[in-house]
């Protein structure tokens, strides 16, 4: 489940996104107004909380998908996807993430209570954030996904385990 916190995203004086304690979180990265974010999660309470955080950040949560069929139906409209592993149709999240990243060019972050199921990672995807995750965790993960998509320098969130960005091996944080 996503835990609510009171942290807010802010822009530092140079116009870059940051969190209050770390205004330079995305280093020298000008972020467009909105990204289209697909939420692949079958637990509706968790999914709607993530949707709320994404919308509060000013992004467009394009859909909540509870299974592979629904996720892939929205793939062509997504810039970023937050993907759980165990969905309504079983453990399909790994395959969904791989297809979204490799076939549709979506920046994929896994958000799951079962990060060990990913082993050393999934080729083409960015990394995994373990659940439960706070609103702040979700915001930082989305900010990092945006920076990754823009090929901008950014320090990964503390709880995000990165995969190698080309071959699926782990990168150091």
C-alpha atoms as a PDB file:
ATOM      1  CA  UNK A   1       0.000   0.000   0.000  1.00  0.00           C
ATOM      2  CA  UNK A   2       1.093   3.561  -0.596  1.00  0.00           C
ATOM      3  CA  UNK A   3       1.396   5.510   2.646  1.00  0.00           C
ATOM      4  CA  UNK A   4       0.367   9.178   2.651  1.00  0.00           C
ATOM      5  CA  UNK A   5       2.878  11.827   3.643  1.00  0.00           C
ATOM      6  CA  UNK A   6       2.757  15.614   3.656  1.00  0.00           C
ATOM      7  CA  UNK A   7       5.781  16.207   1.407  1.00  0.00           C
ATOM      8  CA  UNK A   8       5.178  18.349  -1.651  1.00  0.00           C
ATOM      9  CA  UNK A   9       7.057  18.691  -4.904  1.00  0.00           C
ATOM     10  CA  UNK A  10       8.390  22.188  -5.451  1.00  0.00           C
ATOM     11  CA  UNK A  11      10.460  24.035  -8.013  1.00  0.00           C
ATOM     12  CA  UNK A  12      13.753  25.479  -6.896  1.00  0.00           C
ATOM     13  CA  UNK A  13      14.787  28.999  -8.033  1.00  0.00           C
ATOM     14  CA  UNK A  14      16.226  27.674 -11.312  1.00  0.00           C
ATOM     15  CA  UNK A  15      12.890  26.043 -12.202  1.00  0.00           C
ATOM     16  CA  UNK A  16      14.002  22.465 -11.575  1.00  0.00           C
ATOM     17  CA  UNK A  17      11.808  19.999  -9.740  1.00  0.00           C
ATOM     18  CA  UNK A  18      12.873  18.983  -6.260  1.00  0.00           C
ATOM     19  CA  UNK A  19      11.607  17.865  -2.911  1.00  0.00           C
ATOM     20  CA  UNK A  20      11.718  20.361  -0.022  1.00  0.00           C
ATOM     21  CA  UNK A  21      14.679  18.701   1.694  1.00  0.00           C
ATOM     22  CA  UNK A  22      16.592  18.379  -1.575  1.00  0.00           C
ATOM     23  CA  UNK A  23      15.718  21.166  -4.050  1.00  0.00           C
ATOM     24  CA  UNK A  24      18.321  19.956  -6.570  1.00  0.00           C
ATOM     25  CA  UNK A  25      16.977  16.393  -6.744  1.00  0.00           C
ATOM     26  CA  UNK A  26      16.872  16.445 -10.536  1.00  0.00           C
ATOM     27  CA  UNK A  27      20.097  18.205 -11.386  1.00  0.00           C
ATOM     28  CA  UNK A  28      19.736  20.808 -14.130  1.00  0.00           C
ATOM     29  CA  UNK A  29      16.741  19.015 -15.630  1.00  0.00           C
ATOM     30  CA  UNK A  30      13.968  21.160 -17.091  1.00  0.00           C
ATOM     31  CA  UNK A  31      10.834  19.044 -16.880  1.00  0.00           C
ATOM     32  CA  UNK A  32       7.892  19.533 -19.266  1.00  0.00           C
ATOM     33  CA  UNK A  33       4.521  20.206 -17.747  1.00  0.00           C
ATOM     34  CA  UNK A  34       3.147  16.704 -17.922  1.00  0.00           C
ATOM     35  CA  UNK A  35       4.012  13.094 -18.684  1.00  0.00           C
ATOM     36  CA  UNK A  36       1.526  10.317 -19.437  1.00  0.00           C
ATOM     37  CA  UNK A  37       1.851   7.682 -16.728  1.00  0.00           C
ATOM     38  CA  UNK A  38       0.336   4.199 -16.849  1.00  0.00           C
ATOM     39  CA  UNK A  39      -0.332   2.539 -13.482  1.00  0.00           C
ATOM     40  CA  UNK A  40      -0.253  -1.254 -13.689  1.00  0.00           C
ATOM     41  CA  UNK A  41      -1.686  -2.397 -10.354  1.00  0.00           C
ATOM     42  CA  UNK A  42      -4.590  -4.702  -9.485  1.00  0.00           C
ATOM     43  CA  UNK A  43      -5.197  -3.531  -5.900  1.00  0.00           C
ATOM     44  CA  UNK A  44      -7.617  -0.655  -6.508  1.00  0.00           C
ATOM     45  CA  UNK A  45      -6.868   1.231  -3.275  1.00  0.00           C
ATOM     46  CA  UNK A  46      -3.136   1.186  -3.991  1.00  0.00           C
ATOM     47  CA  UNK A  47      -3.725   2.057  -7.655  1.00  0.00           C
ATOM     48  CA  UNK A  48      -5.962   5.038  -6.889  1.00  0.00           C
ATOM     49  CA  UNK A  49      -3.482   6.356  -4.319  1.00  0.00           C
ATOM     50  CA  UNK A  50      -0.680   6.200  -6.905  1.00  0.00           C
ATOM     51  CA  UNK A  51      -3.021   7.833  -9.429  1.00  0.00           C
ATOM     52  CA  UNK A  52      -3.688  10.648  -6.954  1.00  0.00           C
ATOM     53  CA  UNK A  53       0.040  11.263  -6.369  1.00  0.00           C
ATOM     54  CA  UNK A  54       0.768  11.263 -10.119  1.00  0.00           C
ATOM     55  CA  UNK A  55      -2.061  13.733 -10.784  1.00  0.00           C
ATOM     56  CA  UNK A  56      -1.009  15.907  -7.844  1.00  0.00           C
ATOM     57  CA  UNK A  57       2.457  16.142  -9.450  1.00  0.00           C
ATOM     58  CA  UNK A  58       0.826  17.565 -12.573  1.00  0.00           C
ATOM     59  CA  UNK A  59       1.139  14.453 -14.728  1.00  0.00           C
ATOM     60  CA  UNK A  60      -1.575  12.580 -16.611  1.00  0.00           C
ATOM     61  CA  UNK A  61      -2.386   9.175 -15.092  1.00  0.00           C
ATOM     62  CA  UNK A  62      -3.695   7.719 -18.361  1.00  0.00           C
ATOM     63  CA  UNK A  63      -5.072   4.469 -16.937  1.00  0.00           C
ATOM     64  CA  UNK A  64      -5.073   1.940 -14.149  1.00  0.00           C
ATOM     65  CA  UNK A  65      -4.464  -1.491 -15.656  1.00  0.00           C
ATOM     66  CA  UNK A  66      -5.062  -4.596 -13.528  1.00  0.00           C
ATOM     67  CA  UNK A  67      -3.787  -7.153 -16.060  1.00  0.00           C
ATOM     68  CA  UNK A  68      -1.648  -7.591 -19.170  1.00  0.00           C
ATOM     69  CA  UNK A  69      -4.447  -7.082 -21.699  1.00  0.00           C
ATOM     70  CA  UNK A  70      -5.427  -3.747 -20.179  1.00  0.00           C
ATOM     71  CA  UNK A  71      -1.820  -2.581 -19.742  1.00  0.00           C
ATOM     72  CA  UNK A  72      -0.885  -3.321 -23.345  1.00  0.00           C
ATOM     73  CA  UNK A  73      -4.064  -1.647 -24.607  1.00  0.00           C
ATOM     74  CA  UNK A  74      -2.729   1.637 -23.160  1.00  0.00           C
ATOM     75  CA  UNK A  75       0.946   1.098 -24.062  1.00  0.00           C
ATOM     76  CA  UNK A  76       1.041   3.395 -27.079  1.00  0.00           C
ATOM     77  CA  UNK A  77      -0.136   6.373 -25.005  1.00  0.00           C
ATOM     78  CA  UNK A  78       2.273   5.960 -22.070  1.00  0.00           C
ATOM     79  CA  UNK A  79       5.569   7.731 -21.458  1.00  0.00           C
ATOM     80  CA  UNK A  80       6.194   6.106 -18.065  1.00  0.00           C
ATOM     81  CA  UNK A  81       4.717   3.015 -16.400  1.00  0.00           C
ATOM     82  CA  UNK A  82       4.688   2.035 -12.729  1.00  0.00           C
ATOM     83  CA  UNK A  83       4.252  -1.745 -12.797  1.00  0.00           C
ATOM     84  CA  UNK A  84       3.390  -4.230 -10.048  1.00  0.00           C
ATOM     85  CA  UNK A  85       4.447  -7.847 -10.581  1.00  0.00           C
ATOM     86  CA  UNK A  86       1.529  -9.978  -9.400  1.00  0.00           C
ATOM     87  CA  UNK A  87      -1.641  -8.831 -11.100  1.00  0.00           C
ATOM     88  CA  UNK A  88      -5.189 -10.034 -11.651  1.00  0.00           C
ATOM     89  CA  UNK A  89      -3.989 -12.429 -14.383  1.00  0.00           C
ATOM     90  CA  UNK A  90      -1.094 -13.791 -12.309  1.00  0.00           C
ATOM     91  CA  UNK A  91       2.618 -12.908 -12.221  1.00  0.00           C
ATOM     92  CA  UNK A  92       2.465 -11.022 -15.521  1.00  0.00           C
ATOM     93  CA  UNK A  93       4.177  -7.777 -14.444  1.00  0.00           C
ATOM     94  CA  UNK A  94       7.671  -8.775 -15.567  1.00  0.00           C
ATOM     95  CA  UNK A  95       6.445  -9.578 -19.075  1.00  0.00           C
ATOM     96  CA  UNK A  96       4.377  -6.388 -19.199  1.00  0.00           C
ATOM     97  CA  UNK A  97       7.353  -4.279 -18.148  1.00  0.00           C
ATOM     98  CA  UNK A  98       9.593  -5.895 -20.740  1.00  0.00           C
ATOM     99  CA  UNK A  99       7.063  -5.369 -23.568  1.00  0.00           C
ATOM    100  CA  UNK A 100       6.323  -1.778 -22.539  1.00  0.00           C
ATOM    101  CA  UNK A 101      10.033  -0.903 -22.427  1.00  0.00           C
ATOM    102  CA  UNK A 102      11.372  -2.855 -25.385  1.00  0.00           C
ATOM    103  CA  UNK A 103       8.463  -2.627 -27.825  1.00  0.00           C
ATOM    104  CA  UNK A 104       6.764   0.657 -26.933  1.00  0.00           C
ATOM    105  CA  UNK A 105       9.663   2.760 -25.592  1.00  0.00           C
ATOM    106  CA  UNK A 106       7.980   3.299 -22.222  1.00  0.00           C
ATOM    107  CA  UNK A 107      10.175   4.126 -19.227  1.00  0.00           C
ATOM    108  CA  UNK A 108       9.302   1.345 -16.755  1.00  0.00           C
ATOM    109  CA  UNK A 109       9.729   1.274 -12.990  1.00  0.00           C
ATOM    110  CA  UNK A 110       8.490  -1.671 -10.990  1.00  0.00           C
ATOM    111  CA  UNK A 111       6.626  -0.884  -7.777  1.00  0.00           C
ATOM    112  CA  UNK A 112       6.098  -4.161  -5.922  1.00  0.00           C
ATOM    113  CA  UNK A 113       6.023  -5.901  -2.554  1.00  0.00           C
ATOM    114  CA  UNK A 114       8.022  -8.712  -4.178  1.00  0.00           C
ATOM    115  CA  UNK A 115      11.218  -7.140  -5.547  1.00  0.00           C
ATOM    116  CA  UNK A 116      13.155 -10.422  -5.193  1.00  0.00           C
ATOM    117  CA  UNK A 117      11.013 -11.858  -8.032  1.00  0.00           C
ATOM    118  CA  UNK A 118      12.891  -9.547 -10.408  1.00  0.00           C
ATOM    119  CA  UNK A 119      16.222 -11.199  -9.719  1.00  0.00           C
ATOM    120  CA  UNK A 120      18.936  -9.147 -11.414  1.00  0.00           C
ATOM    121  CA  UNK A 121      16.419  -7.054 -13.339  1.00  0.00           C
ATOM    122  CA  UNK A 122      14.475  -6.878 -16.568  1.00  0.00           C
ATOM    123  CA  UNK A 123      16.269  -5.709 -19.733  1.00  0.00           C
ATOM    124  CA  UNK A 124      15.167  -2.256 -20.799  1.00  0.00           C
ATOM    125  CA  UNK A 125      13.550  -1.307 -17.494  1.00  0.00           C
ATOM    126  CA  UNK A 126      14.925   1.160 -14.944  1.00  0.00           C
ATOM    127  CA  UNK A 127      14.556  -0.450 -11.521  1.00  0.00           C
ATOM    128  CA  UNK A 128      12.318  -1.450  -8.647  1.00  0.00           C
ATOM    129  CA  UNK A 129      10.839   0.383  -5.653  1.00  0.00           C
ATOM    130  CA  UNK A 130       9.629  -1.935  -2.873  1.00  0.00           C
ATOM    131  CA  UNK A 131       6.134  -1.533  -1.428  1.00  0.00           C
ATOM    132  CA  UNK A 132       4.827  -0.286   0.854  1.00  0.00           C
ATOM    133  CA  UNK A 133       5.825   3.070  -0.570  1.00  0.00           C
ATOM    134  CA  UNK A 134       5.007   6.533   0.724  1.00  0.00           C
ATOM    135  CA  UNK A 135       3.672   9.331  -1.468  1.00  0.00           C
ATOM    136  CA  UNK A 136       7.153  10.785  -1.332  1.00  0.00           C
ATOM    137  CA  UNK A 137       8.665   7.486  -2.540  1.00  0.00           C
ATOM    138  CA  UNK A 138       6.285   7.486  -5.499  1.00  0.00           C
ATOM    139  CA  UNK A 139       7.027  11.134  -6.332  1.00  0.00           C
ATOM    140  CA  UNK A 140      10.786  10.557  -6.172  1.00  0.00           C
ATOM    141  CA  UNK A 141      10.469   7.437  -8.339  1.00  0.00           C
ATOM    142  CA  UNK A 142       8.430   9.343 -10.941  1.00  0.00           C
ATOM    143  CA  UNK A 143      10.923  12.233 -10.909  1.00  0.00           C
ATOM    144  CA  UNK A 144      13.779   9.782 -11.425  1.00  0.00           C
ATOM    145  CA  UNK A 145      11.909   8.046 -14.269  1.00  0.00           C
ATOM    146  CA  UNK A 146      11.456  11.443 -15.953  1.00  0.00           C
ATOM    147  CA  UNK A 147      15.143  12.245 -15.574  1.00  0.00           C
ATOM    148  CA  UNK A 148      16.047   8.824 -16.969  1.00  0.00           C
ATOM    149  CA  UNK A 149      13.697   9.361 -19.907  1.00  0.00           C
ATOM    150  CA  UNK A 150      15.374  12.713 -20.602  1.00  0.00           C
ATOM    151  CA  UNK A 151      18.841  11.163 -20.163  1.00  0.00           C
ATOM    152  CA  UNK A 152      19.476  13.768 -17.463  1.00  0.00           C
ATOM    153  CA  UNK A 153      21.793  13.424 -14.478  1.00  0.00           C
ATOM    154  CA  UNK A 154      19.811  12.466 -11.393  1.00  0.00           C
ATOM    155  CA  UNK A 155      20.514  10.772  -8.120  1.00  0.00           C
ATOM    156  CA  UNK A 156      18.223   7.751  -7.671  1.00  0.00           C
ATOM    157  CA  UNK A 157      15.815   7.727  -4.731  1.00  0.00           C
ATOM    158  CA  UNK A 158      17.181   5.972  -1.657  1.00  0.00           C
ATOM    159  CA  UNK A 159      14.726   3.052  -1.916  1.00  0.00           C
ATOM    160  CA  UNK A 160      14.985   2.527  -5.681  1.00  0.00           C
ATOM    161  CA  UNK A 161      17.141  -0.416  -6.765  1.00  0.00           C
ATOM    162  CA  UNK A 162      18.469   0.302 -10.251  1.00  0.00           C
ATOM    163  CA  UNK A 163      18.950  -2.201 -13.036  1.00  0.00           C
ATOM    164  CA  UNK A 164      21.624  -1.772 -15.720  1.00  0.00           C
ATOM    165  CA  UNK A 165      19.964   0.436 -18.290  1.00  0.00           C
ATOM    166  CA  UNK A 166      20.862  -1.687 -21.258  1.00  0.00           C
ATOM    167  CA  UNK A 167      21.423  -5.249 -20.180  1.00  0.00           C
ATOM    168  CA  UNK A 168      19.240  -5.796 -17.091  1.00  0.00           C
ATOM    169  CA  UNK A 169      22.147  -6.130 -14.647  1.00  0.00           C
ATOM    170  CA  UNK A 170      22.174  -4.135 -11.439  1.00  0.00           C
ATOM    171  CA  UNK A 171      23.714  -0.692 -11.442  1.00  0.00           C
ATOM    172  CA  UNK A 172      25.132   0.748  -8.253  1.00  0.00           C
ATOM    173  CA  UNK A 173      23.254   3.509  -6.442  1.00  0.00           C
END
